């Protein structure tokens, strides 16, 4: 049974990571071939500098990812604090269910529904183009919020409620007590939520595709390239994005593990 289980895990790893490994290897290929590796070269990484369309799409992607992550983190943290402050269990349960809808819903359903909403509102307002930067940003904030809230709420549960009460008794205002006492104790959850939101926004395709209009992000540009020919500089850029996301996920898991150990020690 151990041999079969190890074989099963090995097959899963091969199917998951072999395509990524091939992409990384051929991003250093000196030729344009995707099946014959001629020699090691950084030529395709240099070519990225001259690919204006791809660099513009990368700029759009990073701007959306940073803005949506920051806004989602601020709004999500405030929402998590508000949800935890609700005493009525039924109301709290209902709010958590509504919060989880964007996360549990299929991306294509979320994308189409947001597109229809933006077009409807755009027609009412009288906009010439209903879809663009703002709609992509709102869409990314929408699907990022649940992940931030679910990252912050466990840290709020681990925080002693009497700490903020003690700060209020010592003369702090509720606003000051939150930033001096509550926020430092949940900072690991807030930071984890930010990294998760940034990572999800960086590589989102489906929702962005339905809400972008002419403001195209990098996944959409790469998808459009597949209709013709994907140039090897796309492999190079995809490799860079993979390394960045992998590093962020390692950082996220490290912070999460440290926070869990601290919580276990307090308990």
Protein backbone atom coordinates (compact mmCIF):
# COMPACT_ATOMS: atom_id res chain seq x y z
CA UNK A 1 0.00 0.00 0.00
CA UNK A 2 2.88 2.39 0.75
CA UNK A 3 4.32 1.82 -2.73
CA UNK A 4 0.95 2.55 -4.35
CA UNK A 5 0.42 5.68 -2.28
CA UNK A 6 3.90 6.97 -3.13
CA UNK A 7 3.34 6.18 -6.81
CA UNK A 8 0.02 8.02 -6.70
CA UNK A 9 1.62 11.10 -5.12
CA UNK A 10 4.46 10.96 -7.65
CA UNK A 11 2.00 10.88 -10.57
CA UNK A 12 0.10 13.84 -9.14
CA UNK A 13 3.32 15.83 -8.76
CA UNK A 14 4.39 14.97 -12.31
CA UNK A 15 1.07 16.04 -13.83
CA UNK A 16 1.01 19.24 -11.78
CA UNK A 17 4.59 20.42 -12.08
CA UNK A 18 6.01 18.82 -15.24
CA UNK A 19 4.36 21.45 -17.53
CA UNK A 20 5.75 24.25 -15.35
CA UNK A 21 9.20 22.67 -15.40
CA UNK A 22 9.10 22.42 -19.21
CA UNK A 23 8.07 26.07 -19.45
CA UNK A 24 10.93 27.15 -17.17
CA UNK A 25 13.50 25.08 -19.10
CA UNK A 26 12.47 26.34 -22.53
CA UNK A 27 12.40 29.95 -21.33
CA UNK A 28 16.21 29.62 -21.34
CA UNK A 29 16.33 28.05 -24.81
CA UNK A 30 18.32 30.01 -27.39
CA UNK A 31 15.96 28.91 -30.18
CA UNK A 32 12.22 29.38 -30.67
CA UNK A 33 11.62 25.64 -30.64
CA UNK A 34 9.40 24.22 -27.91
CA UNK A 35 10.60 20.65 -28.35
CA UNK A 36 14.35 20.96 -29.09
CA UNK A 37 16.59 22.61 -26.52
CA UNK A 38 19.60 23.99 -28.41
CA UNK A 39 21.59 25.92 -25.82
CA UNK A 40 21.22 27.89 -22.59
CA UNK A 41 20.50 31.57 -23.12
CA UNK A 42 18.87 34.63 -21.53
CA UNK A 43 17.83 36.00 -24.92
CA UNK A 44 14.09 35.68 -24.33
CA UNK A 45 14.34 37.48 -21.00
CA UNK A 46 16.10 40.31 -22.84
CA UNK A 47 13.37 40.29 -25.50
CA UNK A 48 10.83 41.19 -22.82
CA UNK A 49 12.29 44.68 -22.69
CA UNK A 50 11.26 45.28 -26.31
CA UNK A 51 7.79 43.71 -26.09
CA UNK A 52 5.73 46.82 -25.42
CA UNK A 53 2.32 45.13 -25.44
CA UNK A 54 3.36 42.54 -22.89
CA UNK A 55 5.07 45.06 -20.63
CA UNK A 56 1.99 47.28 -20.74
CA UNK A 57 -0.20 44.31 -19.81
CA UNK A 58 2.22 43.45 -16.99
CA UNK A 59 1.99 47.04 -15.72
CA UNK A 60 -1.82 46.83 -15.79
CA UNK A 61 -1.71 43.52 -13.92
CA UNK A 62 0.61 44.78 -11.18
CA UNK A 63 -1.39 47.99 -10.70
CA UNK A 64 -4.66 46.06 -10.39
CA UNK A 65 -3.08 43.46 -8.10
CA UNK A 66 -1.59 46.03 -5.71
CA UNK A 67 -4.65 48.29 -5.58
CA UNK A 68 -7.14 45.44 -5.21
CA UNK A 69 -4.99 43.78 -2.52
CA UNK A 70 -4.64 47.00 -0.51
CA UNK A 71 -8.33 47.94 -0.76
CA UNK A 72 -9.46 44.37 -0.08
CA UNK A 73 -7.18 44.17 2.97
CA UNK A 74 -8.50 47.42 4.46
CA UNK A 75 -12.16 46.70 3.73
CA UNK A 76 -11.85 43.00 4.59
CA UNK A 77 -10.19 43.71 7.94
CA UNK A 78 -12.89 46.24 8.83
CA UNK A 79 -15.56 43.74 7.75
CA UNK A 80 -14.01 40.96 9.83
CA UNK A 81 -13.98 43.20 12.92
CA UNK A 82 -17.60 44.17 12.28
CA UNK A 83 -18.70 40.55 11.82
CA UNK A 84 -16.98 39.50 15.05
CA UNK A 85 -18.72 42.34 16.90
CA UNK A 86 -22.18 41.02 15.97
CA UNK A 87 -23.83 39.24 18.91
CA UNK A 88 -26.73 37.69 17.02
CA UNK A 89 -25.57 34.24 15.85
CA UNK A 90 -28.15 34.04 13.05
CA UNK A 91 -27.13 37.42 11.64
CA UNK A 92 -23.45 36.52 11.91
CA UNK A 93 -24.02 33.19 10.16
CA UNK A 94 -25.99 34.91 7.39
CA UNK A 95 -23.22 37.47 6.85
CA UNK A 96 -20.56 34.73 6.69
CA UNK A 97 -22.65 32.85 4.12
CA UNK A 98 -22.97 35.97 1.97
CA UNK A 99 -19.24 36.60 2.35
CA UNK A 100 -18.40 33.12 1.08
CA UNK A 101 -20.53 33.39 -2.08
CA UNK A 102 -17.83 35.03 -4.29
CA UNK A 103 -15.35 32.38 -3.15
CA UNK A 104 -17.64 29.37 -3.65
CA UNK A 105 -19.24 30.63 -6.85
CA UNK A 106 -17.85 29.59 -10.24
CA UNK A 107 -15.52 32.21 -11.74
CA UNK A 108 -17.41 32.27 -15.02
CA UNK A 109 -20.69 32.99 -13.21
CA UNK A 110 -19.08 35.77 -11.19
CA UNK A 111 -17.46 37.23 -14.29
CA UNK A 112 -20.62 37.23 -16.39
CA UNK A 113 -22.79 38.62 -13.59
CA UNK A 114 -20.33 41.44 -12.89
CA UNK A 115 -20.06 42.22 -16.60
CA UNK A 116 -23.85 42.50 -16.91
CA UNK A 117 -23.98 44.72 -13.81
CA UNK A 118 -21.25 47.04 -15.09
CA UNK A 119 -22.80 47.31 -18.55
CA UNK A 120 -26.23 48.00 -17.01
CA UNK A 121 -24.87 50.72 -14.72
CA UNK A 122 -22.77 52.14 -17.54
CA UNK A 123 -25.83 52.48 -19.78
CA UNK A 124 -27.77 54.21 -17.02
CA UNK A 125 -24.96 56.67 -16.38
CA UNK A 126 -24.40 57.15 -20.10
CA UNK A 127 -20.82 55.93 -20.39
CA UNK A 128 -19.41 55.26 -23.86
CA UNK A 129 -17.35 52.34 -22.51
CA UNK A 130 -18.81 50.51 -19.55
CA UNK A 131 -15.81 48.23 -19.01
CA UNK A 132 -12.28 49.28 -18.17
CA UNK A 133 -9.82 49.87 -15.34
CA UNK A 134 -12.45 50.64 -12.69
CA UNK A 135 -14.59 47.59 -13.47
CA UNK A 136 -11.57 45.25 -13.35
CA UNK A 137 -10.52 46.76 -10.03
CA UNK A 138 -14.00 46.38 -8.52
CA UNK A 139 -14.22 42.80 -9.78
CA UNK A 140 -10.87 41.88 -8.23
CA UNK A 141 -11.82 43.49 -4.93
CA UNK A 142 -15.06 41.49 -4.98
CA UNK A 143 -13.42 38.08 -5.22
CA UNK A 144 -10.51 39.02 -2.94
CA UNK A 145 -12.62 40.18 0.01
CA UNK A 146 -13.70 36.72 1.27
CA UNK A 147 -10.10 35.51 1.43
CA UNK A 148 -9.03 38.53 3.48
CA UNK A 149 -11.98 38.17 5.84
CA UNK A 150 -11.35 34.46 6.34
CA UNK A 151 -7.67 35.21 7.05
CA UNK A 152 -8.41 37.87 9.66
CA UNK A 153 -11.34 36.30 11.54
CA UNK A 154 -9.32 33.38 13.03
CA UNK A 155 -6.79 35.89 14.40
CA UNK A 156 -9.59 37.95 15.93
CA UNK A 157 -10.91 34.81 17.63
CA UNK A 158 -7.44 34.16 19.08
CA UNK A 159 -7.17 37.73 20.40
CA UNK A 160 -8.26 38.31 23.97
CA UNK A 161 -11.28 40.62 23.90
CA UNK A 162 -10.28 42.06 27.29
CA UNK A 163 -7.16 43.66 25.75
CA UNK A 164 -9.12 46.33 23.92
CA UNK A 165 -11.36 46.82 26.98
CA UNK A 166 -8.26 47.37 29.10
CA UNK A 167 -6.96 49.91 26.60
CA UNK A 168 -10.28 51.78 26.76
CA UNK A 169 -10.12 51.77 30.57
CA UNK A 170 -6.62 53.27 30.38
CA UNK A 171 -7.88 56.21 28.34
CA UNK A 172 -7.59 55.07 24.71
CA UNK A 173 -10.30 55.96 22.27
CA UNK A 174 -11.88 53.00 20.39
CA UNK A 175 -10.00 54.09 17.25
CA UNK A 176 -6.68 54.26 19.07
CA UNK A 177 -7.31 51.01 20.95
CA UNK A 178 -7.85 49.20 17.66
CA UNK A 179 -4.59 50.43 16.10
CA UNK A 180 -2.53 50.07 19.29
CA UNK A 181 -3.87 46.75 20.59
CA UNK A 182 -6.10 44.83 18.19
CA UNK A 183 -4.31 45.45 14.89
CA UNK A 184 -0.84 44.32 16.11
CA UNK A 185 -2.34 41.08 17.43
CA UNK A 186 -4.02 40.28 14.10
CA UNK A 187 -1.25 41.65 11.87
CA UNK A 188 -0.18 38.18 10.69
CA UNK A 189 -3.72 37.46 9.47
CA UNK A 190 -3.95 40.86 7.78
CA UNK A 191 -0.63 40.35 6.01
CA UNK A 192 -1.58 36.81 4.98
CA UNK A 193 -4.83 38.13 3.55
CA UNK A 194 -2.93 40.79 1.61
CA UNK A 195 -0.55 38.25 0.08
CA UNK A 196 -3.42 35.92 -0.81
CA UNK A 197 -5.38 38.77 -2.43
CA UNK A 198 -2.33 39.95 -4.37
CA UNK A 199 -1.56 36.43 -5.61
CA UNK A 200 -5.14 35.72 -6.68
CA UNK A 201 -5.41 39.04 -8.47
CA UNK A 202 -2.09 38.61 -10.23
CA UNK A 203 -3.05 35.47 -12.14
CA UNK A 204 -6.82 35.88 -12.50
CA UNK A 205 -8.08 35.33 -16.04
CA UNK A 206 -11.78 34.41 -16.19
CA UNK A 207 -13.25 37.31 -14.21
CA UNK A 208 -10.81 39.79 -15.74
CA UNK A 209 -11.69 38.57 -19.24
CA UNK A 210 -15.37 39.47 -18.80
CA UNK A 211 -14.81 42.83 -17.10
CA UNK A 212 -11.67 44.29 -18.71
CA UNK A 213 -12.91 45.96 -21.90
CA UNK A 214 -9.82 47.51 -23.53
CA UNK A 215 -7.87 47.45 -20.25
CA UNK A 216 -6.21 44.06 -20.72
CA UNK A 217 -4.17 42.30 -18.07
CA UNK A 218 -1.29 39.92 -18.71
CA UNK A 219 -3.25 36.62 -18.56
CA UNK A 220 -5.63 37.97 -21.21
CA UNK A 221 -2.77 39.08 -23.48
CA UNK A 222 -1.12 35.66 -23.20
CA UNK A 223 -4.46 33.98 -23.93
CA UNK A 224 -4.87 36.12 -27.06
CA UNK A 225 -1.38 35.07 -28.15
CA UNK A 226 -2.39 31.41 -28.08
CA UNK A 227 -4.80 32.10 -30.96
CA UNK A 228 -1.76 32.78 -33.16
CA UNK A 229 1.69 31.88 -31.85
CA UNK A 230 3.04 32.07 -28.32
CA UNK A 231 6.53 33.52 -28.51
CA UNK A 232 9.20 32.22 -26.10
CA UNK A 233 9.40 35.57 -24.32
CA UNK A 234 5.98 34.67 -22.90
CA UNK A 235 7.64 31.62 -21.33
CA UNK A 236 10.23 33.91 -19.77
CA UNK A 237 7.63 36.28 -18.34
CA UNK A 238 5.49 33.38 -17.11
CA UNK A 239 8.56 31.94 -15.38
CA UNK A 240 9.18 35.24 -13.61
CA UNK A 241 5.56 35.40 -12.47
CA UNK A 242 5.70 31.79 -11.28
CA UNK A 243 8.82 32.49 -9.21
CA UNK A 244 7.25 35.62 -7.67
CA UNK A 245 4.00 33.83 -6.80
CA UNK A 246 5.89 30.83 -5.43
CA UNK A 247 7.99 33.11 -3.21
CA UNK A 248 4.87 34.90 -1.96
CA UNK A 249 3.16 31.60 -1.16
CA UNK A 250 6.24 30.41 0.75
CA UNK A 251 6.22 33.68 2.67
CA UNK A 252 2.47 33.33 3.30
CA UNK A 253 2.84 29.77 4.65
CA UNK A 254 5.81 30.78 6.81
CA UNK A 255 3.88 33.65 8.40
CA UNK A 256 0.82 31.44 8.84
CA UNK A 257 2.81 28.70 10.56
CA UNK A 258 4.50 31.16 12.91
CA UNK A 259 1.13 32.72 13.76
CA UNK A 260 -0.40 29.28 14.41
CA UNK A 261 2.48 28.36 16.73
CA UNK A 262 2.06 31.60 18.67
CA UNK A 263 -1.68 30.96 18.95
CA UNK A 264 -1.04 27.43 20.19
CA UNK A 265 1.41 28.71 22.81
CA UNK A 266 -1.11 31.29 24.07
CA UNK A 267 -3.84 28.64 24.33
